[in-house]
Amino acid sequence: MEVPSPSGLSVRLDPSELRRQVDVMSDDARLERATLATTEAALVDARRSAAEARECLAVAVATLDGRRLAARKDEARETYREALAVAAGPADRRVAAATWLATVDAINRSTRAALGQVLLWRERCHERDRVVRDAERRASAQRVRAESAEDACARVRSDLAEADRWSPEPWSWPRGLRAGTAASDGATRTASRSRTSSVGHRSPLLLATLLAGEADARHDLARQMADLTGGQASRWSLLLQGFVDALVESAIAHDRLRFDRQHPLWAQLTPGEARIVIARLRDIGFRYDPVDGWYGDRSPQPRDLAVALAYVGIEAVVLRPQPSSDDLRRLPESISVATHDHLLEAAPGLSLDAVHRLVGTHAPGMADLWDHWADLQELLLGDTLAMTPA
């Protein structure tokens, strides 16, 4: 019986070339995401600068308030009259008049200076508003480029998965031939279970090592899944890597982070306060990344930390010692992602529905993984699966 294949796929797609394209496009997508983080950070800075300019303009305008100027001149005139009332002779009256005129002249000079400040800050506000608009356009354009790069990378990954699926191997069973009646599916499942013992020893630690990013654990699990499903180990390795990346992203988004309690900053905060600080830094453009440290290699400054600390009611001046810019650049070294805890808390027993919801928008690209979730679940949990409530 001839094995079916997608039209033109076996001729058009070369797995080795697609793997090279996956590597190249992954790097491109990562670069575009880093550039997007930089442009978004520049937008945050531009908006902050524009807000500061508007505040300075408001202060300068307040200085020109007519009622305030009239009150100051009335006060100077009243002082002059009081001086005249107590003057002992012409010399005292001349001194009082000179003082009054000097005070009025100083008020007029400060008014002219304030008018100059108003004009200056008004022009700066217009200039910085233009900078904000330009930064918004650049950020929007870069966001489109980053999304396009990620879409292109996803398409090549999909093509690679298809090419691997239809690449002939002496032990590979095409997907169509594996489908059958419920009885044959049950037989296949039983055979899969019996093969598990020959593939390798299952340990509950496998899940933890996989989520920790250990390549050996991923490759070993990929080989086991390939033997169980009749697929290719390389395709399973890609699927598992994408699965782990999605879980890490989900854990970071839910602030499931661990903080080194020996670090000078985290030692002064509770874990809950530390999570809020990191979340607020992310909101103003400084996002923690487990690989790069700070996403886009852009680290916060002490004033940014002060803003984040304000959300938990802590003034930065009370910190001892106060982190420097270099300390904040290295701050991610004291943070790790609690992916394992996040997964087991959000998806007890690794039920398919719960895990599917957890990976969110990445779920559609993992259809093959969901098709064989029962096998993967048993390998990940090992003997603990039997203790999981039904």
Protein backbone atom coordinates (compact mmCIF):
# COMPACT_ATOMS: atom_id res chain seq x y z
CA MET A 1 0.00 0.00 0.00
CA GLU A 2 1.41 3.40 -0.99
CA VAL A 3 1.73 5.91 1.81
CA PRO A 4 -0.21 9.14 1.10
CA SER A 5 1.52 12.48 1.34
CA PRO A 6 0.51 16.11 0.94
CA SER A 7 0.65 17.32 -2.64
CA GLY A 8 4.19 18.35 -3.54
CA LEU A 9 5.36 18.36 0.08
CA SER A 10 7.88 15.53 -0.15
CA VAL A 11 9.47 17.11 -3.21
CA ARG A 12 9.40 20.71 -2.08
CA LEU A 13 10.44 20.51 1.58
CA ASP A 14 13.83 19.33 2.74
CA PRO A 15 13.92 18.74 6.53
CA SER A 16 17.59 19.70 6.87
CA GLU A 17 17.05 22.95 5.00
CA LEU A 18 13.92 23.65 7.04
CA ARG A 19 15.84 23.10 10.28
CA ARG A 20 18.38 25.65 9.11
CA GLN A 21 15.54 28.05 8.29
CA VAL A 22 14.00 27.47 11.73
CA ASP A 23 17.30 28.44 13.38
CA VAL A 24 17.70 31.53 11.20
CA MET A 25 14.10 32.68 11.58
CA SER A 26 14.12 32.04 15.32
CA ASP A 27 17.13 34.34 15.61
CA ASP A 28 15.40 36.90 13.39
CA ALA A 29 12.21 36.74 15.45
CA ARG A 30 14.18 37.11 18.68
CA LEU A 31 16.04 40.12 17.25
CA GLU A 32 12.76 41.71 16.14
CA ARG A 33 11.25 41.15 19.59
CA ALA A 34 14.32 42.73 21.21
CA THR A 35 14.05 45.70 18.84
CA LEU A 36 10.36 45.97 19.69
CA ALA A 37 11.20 46.09 23.39
CA THR A 38 13.71 48.88 22.69
CA THR A 39 11.22 50.92 20.64
CA GLU A 40 8.51 50.47 23.26
CA ALA A 41 10.96 51.55 25.97
CA ALA A 42 11.82 54.62 23.89
CA LEU A 43 8.11 55.36 23.65
CA VAL A 44 7.79 55.14 27.44
CA ASP A 45 10.73 57.54 27.84
CA ALA A 46 9.25 59.94 25.28
CA ARG A 47 5.90 59.98 27.06
CA ARG A 48 7.59 60.54 30.42
CA SER A 49 9.65 63.42 28.99
CA ALA A 50 6.53 64.99 27.46
CA ALA A 51 4.71 64.74 30.81
CA GLU A 52 7.62 66.43 32.59
CA ALA A 53 7.60 69.25 30.02
CA ARG A 54 3.87 69.80 30.55
CA GLU A 55 4.41 69.98 34.31
CA CYS A 56 7.14 72.63 33.87
CA LEU A 57 4.86 74.58 31.53
CA ALA A 58 2.08 74.51 34.13
CA VAL A 59 4.47 75.90 36.78
CA ALA A 60 5.61 78.70 34.45
CA VAL A 61 2.02 79.62 33.55
CA ALA A 62 1.10 79.71 37.25
CA THR A 63 3.91 82.22 37.81
CA LEU A 64 2.22 84.56 35.30
CA ASP A 65 -1.12 84.47 37.10
CA GLY A 66 -2.50 88.04 37.05
CA ARG A 67 -4.09 87.89 40.47
CA ARG A 68 -0.88 86.64 42.00
CA LEU A 69 1.13 89.46 40.38
CA ALA A 70 -1.42 92.07 41.51
CA ALA A 71 -1.29 90.72 45.05
CA ARG A 72 2.52 90.98 45.12
CA LYS A 73 2.41 94.58 43.89
CA ASP A 74 -0.31 95.48 46.41
CA GLU A 75 1.83 93.99 49.16
CA ALA A 76 4.82 96.10 48.02
CA ARG A 77 2.65 99.25 47.93
CA GLU A 78 1.32 98.57 51.43
CA THR A 79 4.86 98.13 52.72
CA TYR A 80 5.81 101.48 51.15
CA ARG A 81 2.87 103.23 52.84
CA GLU A 82 3.80 101.76 56.20
CA ALA A 83 7.36 103.00 55.72
CA LEU A 84 6.09 106.50 54.89
CA ALA A 85 3.94 106.55 58.01
CA VAL A 86 6.94 105.99 60.27
CA ALA A 87 9.45 108.04 58.25
CA ALA A 88 11.30 110.66 60.39
CA GLY A 89 12.28 112.89 57.48
CA PRO A 90 12.90 113.24 53.74
CA ALA A 91 15.79 110.73 53.82
CA ASP A 92 13.57 107.95 55.20
CA ARG A 93 10.87 108.72 52.63
CA ARG A 94 13.43 108.50 49.80
CA VAL A 95 14.63 105.12 51.12
CA ALA A 96 11.03 103.85 51.32
CA ALA A 97 10.32 105.02 47.76
CA ALA A 98 13.52 103.46 46.43
CA THR A 99 12.68 100.15 48.15
CA TRP A 100 9.18 100.14 46.71
CA LEU A 101 10.39 100.89 43.16
CA ALA A 102 13.10 98.22 43.40
CA THR A 103 10.51 95.67 44.54
CA VAL A 104 8.16 96.53 41.65
CA ASP A 105 11.07 96.36 39.21
CA ALA A 106 12.01 92.88 40.55
CA ILE A 107 8.40 91.74 40.13
CA ASN A 108 8.33 93.02 36.54
CA ARG A 109 11.66 91.33 35.77
CA SER A 110 10.46 87.99 37.19
CA THR A 111 7.28 88.34 35.13
CA ARG A 112 9.26 88.81 31.93
CA ALA A 113 11.44 85.82 32.86
CA ALA A 114 8.35 83.73 33.55
CA LEU A 115 6.91 84.72 30.18
CA GLY A 116 10.14 83.53 28.55
CA GLN A 117 9.86 80.23 30.44
CA VAL A 118 6.26 79.82 29.28
CA LEU A 119 7.27 80.31 25.65
CA LEU A 120 10.27 78.00 26.07
CA TRP A 121 8.32 75.16 27.70
CA ARG A 122 5.41 75.55 25.31
CA GLU A 123 7.79 75.01 22.40
CA ARG A 124 9.40 72.06 24.20
CA CYS A 125 5.96 70.54 24.76
CA HIS A 126 5.22 70.77 21.04
CA GLU A 127 8.61 69.23 20.23
CA ARG A 128 8.23 66.37 22.69
CA ASP A 129 4.69 65.67 21.53
CA ARG A 130 6.14 65.23 18.04
CA VAL A 131 8.76 62.87 19.47
CA VAL A 132 5.98 60.85 21.14
CA ARG A 133 4.04 60.59 17.87
CA ASP A 134 7.17 59.47 16.01
CA ALA A 135 7.95 56.92 18.74
CA GLU A 136 4.38 55.60 18.57
CA ARG A 137 4.67 55.14 14.79
CA ARG A 138 8.02 53.38 15.13
CA ALA A 139 6.70 51.12 17.88
CA SER A 140 3.63 50.23 15.81
CA ALA A 141 5.74 49.46 12.73
CA GLN A 142 8.20 47.39 14.77
CA ARG A 143 5.31 45.51 16.40
CA VAL A 144 4.10 44.51 12.93
CA ARG A 145 7.62 43.40 11.94
CA ALA A 146 8.01 41.35 15.13
CA GLU A 147 4.63 39.67 14.64
CA SER A 148 5.45 38.95 10.98
CA ALA A 149 8.80 37.42 11.97
CA GLU A 150 7.10 35.23 14.58
CA ASP A 151 4.43 34.16 12.07
CA ALA A 152 7.10 33.29 9.50
CA CYS A 153 8.99 31.28 12.12
CA ALA A 154 5.79 29.44 13.09
CA ARG A 155 5.10 28.58 9.45
CA VAL A 156 8.58 27.16 8.94
CA ARG A 157 8.26 25.14 12.15
CA SER A 158 4.96 23.79 10.86
CA ASP A 159 6.55 22.93 7.51
CA LEU A 160 9.38 21.16 9.33
CA ALA A 161 6.90 19.17 11.39
CA GLU A 162 5.07 18.14 8.20
CA ALA A 163 8.31 17.28 6.42
CA ASP A 164 9.46 15.15 9.36
CA ARG A 165 6.07 13.47 9.53
CA TRP A 166 6.21 12.36 5.93
CA SER A 167 9.92 11.60 5.73
CA PRO A 168 10.20 7.82 5.13
CA GLU A 169 11.80 5.84 7.93
CA PRO A 170 11.90 2.02 8.14
CA TRP A 171 9.95 2.02 11.44
CA SER A 172 7.68 5.01 10.80
CA TRP A 173 3.91 4.40 10.55
CA PRO A 174 2.01 7.06 8.67
CA ARG A 175 -0.64 8.81 10.68
CA GLY A 176 -3.46 7.64 8.44
CA LEU A 177 -2.55 4.00 8.95
CA ARG A 178 -2.62 4.42 12.73
CA ALA A 179 -6.25 5.49 12.68
CA GLY A 180 -8.80 2.74 13.02
CA THR A 181 -11.65 1.37 15.07
CA ALA A 182 -11.89 1.82 18.81
CA ALA A 183 -10.62 -1.71 19.26
CA SER A 184 -7.51 -1.08 17.19
CA ASP A 185 -6.92 2.20 19.03
CA GLY A 186 -7.11 0.31 22.32
CA ALA A 187 -4.65 -2.26 21.03
CA THR A 188 -2.30 0.50 19.93
CA ARG A 189 -2.54 2.12 23.37
CA THR A 190 -1.79 -1.19 25.06
CA ALA A 191 1.20 -1.72 22.80
CA SER A 192 2.40 1.77 23.58
CA ARG A 193 2.20 1.08 27.30
CA SER A 194 4.15 -2.15 26.91
CA ARG A 195 6.84 -0.39 24.89
CA THR A 196 7.26 2.27 27.58
CA SER A 197 9.25 -0.03 29.84
CA SER A 198 11.71 -0.78 27.05
CA VAL A 199 12.16 2.89 26.16
CA GLY A 200 13.52 3.93 29.51
CA HIS A 201 12.90 4.29 33.21
CA ARG A 202 10.15 6.79 34.02
CA SER A 203 10.78 9.15 36.89
CA PRO A 204 8.74 11.99 38.40
CA LEU A 205 11.94 14.05 38.15
CA LEU A 206 11.67 14.01 34.35
CA LEU A 207 9.06 16.79 34.41
CA ALA A 208 11.23 19.01 36.62
CA THR A 209 14.36 18.48 34.53
CA LEU A 210 12.46 19.12 31.30
CA LEU A 211 11.02 22.40 32.62
CA ALA A 212 14.47 23.37 33.90
CA GLY A 213 15.58 23.45 30.25
CA GLU A 214 17.97 20.50 30.34
CA ALA A 215 18.61 19.47 26.74
CA ASP A 216 19.43 15.86 27.66
CA ALA A 217 16.03 15.44 29.31
CA ARG A 218 14.26 16.90 26.27
CA HIS A 219 16.17 14.74 23.79
CA ASP A 220 15.59 11.60 25.86
CA LEU A 221 11.88 12.32 26.14
CA ALA A 222 11.71 13.09 22.41
CA ARG A 223 13.24 9.69 21.59
CA GLN A 224 10.75 7.96 23.87
CA MET A 225 7.79 9.75 22.30
CA ALA A 226 9.13 8.96 18.83
CA ASP A 227 9.26 5.25 19.70
CA LEU A 228 5.76 5.36 21.17
CA THR A 229 4.10 7.29 18.36
CA GLY A 230 6.10 6.29 15.31
CA GLY A 231 7.15 9.90 14.72
CA GLN A 232 10.56 11.49 14.41
CA ALA A 233 12.63 12.44 17.44
CA SER A 234 13.63 15.78 15.90
CA ARG A 235 10.00 16.81 15.47
CA TRP A 236 9.20 15.81 19.04
CA SER A 237 12.20 17.76 20.29
CA LEU A 238 10.84 20.88 18.59
CA LEU A 239 7.38 20.29 20.02
CA LEU A 240 8.72 19.79 23.53
CA GLN A 241 10.91 22.88 23.32
CA GLY A 242 7.94 24.95 22.19
CA PHE A 243 5.86 23.46 25.00
CA VAL A 244 8.46 24.38 27.64
CA ASP A 245 8.88 27.90 26.19
CA ALA A 246 5.09 28.43 26.34
CA LEU A 247 4.97 27.30 29.98
CA VAL A 248 7.87 29.57 30.93
CA GLU A 249 6.13 32.48 29.21
CA SER A 250 2.92 31.68 31.08
CA ALA A 251 4.76 31.48 34.42
CA ILE A 252 6.40 34.88 33.86
CA ALA A 253 3.08 36.43 32.79
CA HIS A 254 1.53 35.17 36.06
CA ASP A 255 4.52 36.47 38.09
CA ARG A 256 5.47 32.95 39.21
CA LEU A 257 9.06 33.88 40.01
CA ARG A 258 11.57 32.95 42.69
CA PHE A 259 13.84 35.52 44.31
CA ASP A 260 17.20 34.92 45.94
CA ARG A 261 16.60 35.83 49.58
CA GLN A 262 20.33 36.45 50.03
CA HIS A 263 20.25 39.28 47.49
CA PRO A 264 20.49 42.73 49.18
CA LEU A 265 17.30 44.00 47.49
CA TRP A 266 15.06 40.93 47.84
CA ALA A 267 16.16 40.46 51.45
CA GLN A 268 14.38 43.75 52.25
CA LEU A 269 11.12 42.77 50.49
CA THR A 270 8.60 39.98 50.96
CA PRO A 271 8.11 37.59 47.99
CA GLY A 272 4.75 39.22 47.30
CA GLU A 273 6.30 42.70 47.26
CA ALA A 274 9.12 41.46 45.01
CA ARG A 275 6.59 40.09 42.50
CA ILE A 276 4.73 43.41 42.46
CA VAL A 277 7.98 45.32 41.88
CA ILE A 278 8.90 43.11 38.92
CA ALA A 279 5.37 43.42 37.51
CA ARG A 280 5.47 47.22 37.75
CA LEU A 281 8.91 47.35 36.11
CA ARG A 282 7.44 45.25 33.29
CA ASP A 283 4.56 47.72 32.94
CA ILE A 284 6.94 50.64 32.39
CA GLY A 285 9.04 48.81 29.81
CA PHE A 286 11.56 46.67 31.73
CA ARG A 287 10.61 43.01 31.27
CA TYR A 288 12.45 40.15 32.95
CA ASP A 289 13.68 37.52 30.50
CA PRO A 290 15.15 34.20 31.70
CA VAL A 291 17.65 34.16 28.81
CA ASP A 292 18.61 37.80 28.22
CA GLY A 293 18.15 38.97 31.79
CA TRP A 294 16.31 42.13 30.80
CA TYR A 295 14.33 41.82 27.58
CA GLY A 296 16.12 43.70 24.80
CA ASP A 297 19.13 44.16 27.11
CA ARG A 298 17.51 47.32 28.53
CA SER A 299 17.81 47.51 32.31
CA PRO A 300 15.99 49.89 34.67
CA GLN A 301 17.63 52.80 36.46
CA PRO A 302 17.29 53.66 40.19
CA ARG A 303 14.48 56.13 39.44
CA ASP A 304 12.53 53.36 37.66
CA LEU A 305 12.97 51.11 40.69
CA ALA A 306 11.70 53.96 42.89
CA VAL A 307 8.52 54.13 40.78
CA ALA A 308 7.99 50.36 41.09
CA LEU A 309 8.63 50.41 44.85
CA ALA A 310 6.02 53.15 45.26
CA TYR A 311 3.35 50.61 44.25
CA VAL A 312 4.09 48.60 47.40
CA GLY A 313 4.38 51.68 49.60
CA ILE A 314 8.16 51.65 49.98
CA GLU A 315 10.40 54.68 49.45
CA ALA A 316 13.64 53.87 47.67
CA VAL A 317 15.62 56.08 50.08
CA VAL A 318 15.02 53.61 52.93
CA LEU A 319 16.80 50.76 51.13
CA ARG A 320 20.18 49.84 52.58
CA PRO A 321 22.18 49.57 50.45
CA GLN A 322 20.47 51.41 47.60
CA PRO A 323 20.91 49.53 44.28
CA SER A 324 23.07 51.25 41.68
CA SER A 325 22.48 51.14 37.92
CA ASP A 326 25.00 48.30 37.65
CA ASP A 327 23.25 46.39 40.45
CA LEU A 328 19.93 46.70 38.63
CA ARG A 329 21.51 45.53 35.37
CA ARG A 330 22.57 42.30 37.12
CA LEU A 331 19.33 41.96 39.09
CA PRO A 332 17.90 39.14 36.87
CA GLU A 333 20.75 36.92 38.07
CA SER A 334 18.90 36.71 41.40
CA ILE A 335 15.56 35.74 39.77
CA SER A 336 14.37 32.40 38.41
CA VAL A 337 11.10 31.16 36.93
CA ALA A 338 9.00 28.75 39.02
CA THR A 339 7.69 26.96 35.92
CA HIS A 340 7.35 23.58 37.62
CA ASP A 341 5.29 24.98 40.50
CA HIS A 342 3.20 27.06 38.11
CA LEU A 343 2.35 24.04 35.97
CA LEU A 344 1.43 21.74 38.85
CA GLU A 345 -0.64 24.44 40.56
CA ALA A 346 -2.53 25.44 37.42
CA ALA A 347 -2.85 21.93 35.99
CA PRO A 348 -2.90 19.31 38.78
CA GLY A 349 -2.26 15.88 37.33
CA LEU A 350 -1.42 17.51 33.98
CA SER A 351 -4.95 17.09 32.67
CA LEU A 352 -5.20 17.86 28.97
CA ASP A 353 -7.79 20.64 29.28
CA ALA A 354 -5.89 22.46 32.02
CA VAL A 355 -2.53 22.30 30.23
CA HIS A 356 -4.17 23.31 26.94
CA ARG A 357 -5.59 26.43 28.60
CA LEU A 358 -2.28 27.17 30.27
CA VAL A 359 -0.26 27.46 27.05
CA GLY A 360 -2.86 29.88 25.67
CA THR A 361 -2.24 31.15 22.16
CA HIS A 362 0.53 28.61 21.59
CA ALA A 363 -1.91 25.69 21.85
CA PRO A 364 -2.97 25.53 18.15
CA GLY A 365 0.60 24.94 17.03
CA MET A 366 0.92 21.86 19.28
CA ALA A 367 -1.81 19.66 17.79
CA ASP A 368 0.49 16.63 17.54
CA LEU A 369 1.42 16.98 21.20
CA TRP A 370 -2.27 17.01 22.26
CA ASP A 371 -2.98 13.97 20.06
CA HIS A 372 -0.49 11.94 22.11
CA TRP A 373 -0.94 13.70 25.44
CA ALA A 374 -1.82 10.51 27.34
CA ASP A 375 1.56 8.98 26.43
CA LEU A 376 3.44 12.18 27.25
CA GLN A 377 1.53 12.64 30.50
CA GLU A 378 2.48 9.16 31.69
CA LEU A 379 6.14 9.68 30.82
CA LEU A 380 6.27 13.08 32.55
CA LEU A 381 4.60 11.97 35.78
CA GLY A 382 5.84 8.42 35.89
CA ASP A 383 4.61 6.53 38.94
CA THR A 384 2.95 9.66 40.34
CA LEU A 385 0.26 9.39 37.66
CA ALA A 386 -1.29 6.50 39.48
CA MET A 387 -1.71 8.62 42.60
CA THR A 388 -3.42 11.50 40.73
CA PRO A 389 -7.18 11.68 41.47
CA ALA A 390 -9.35 10.81 38.50
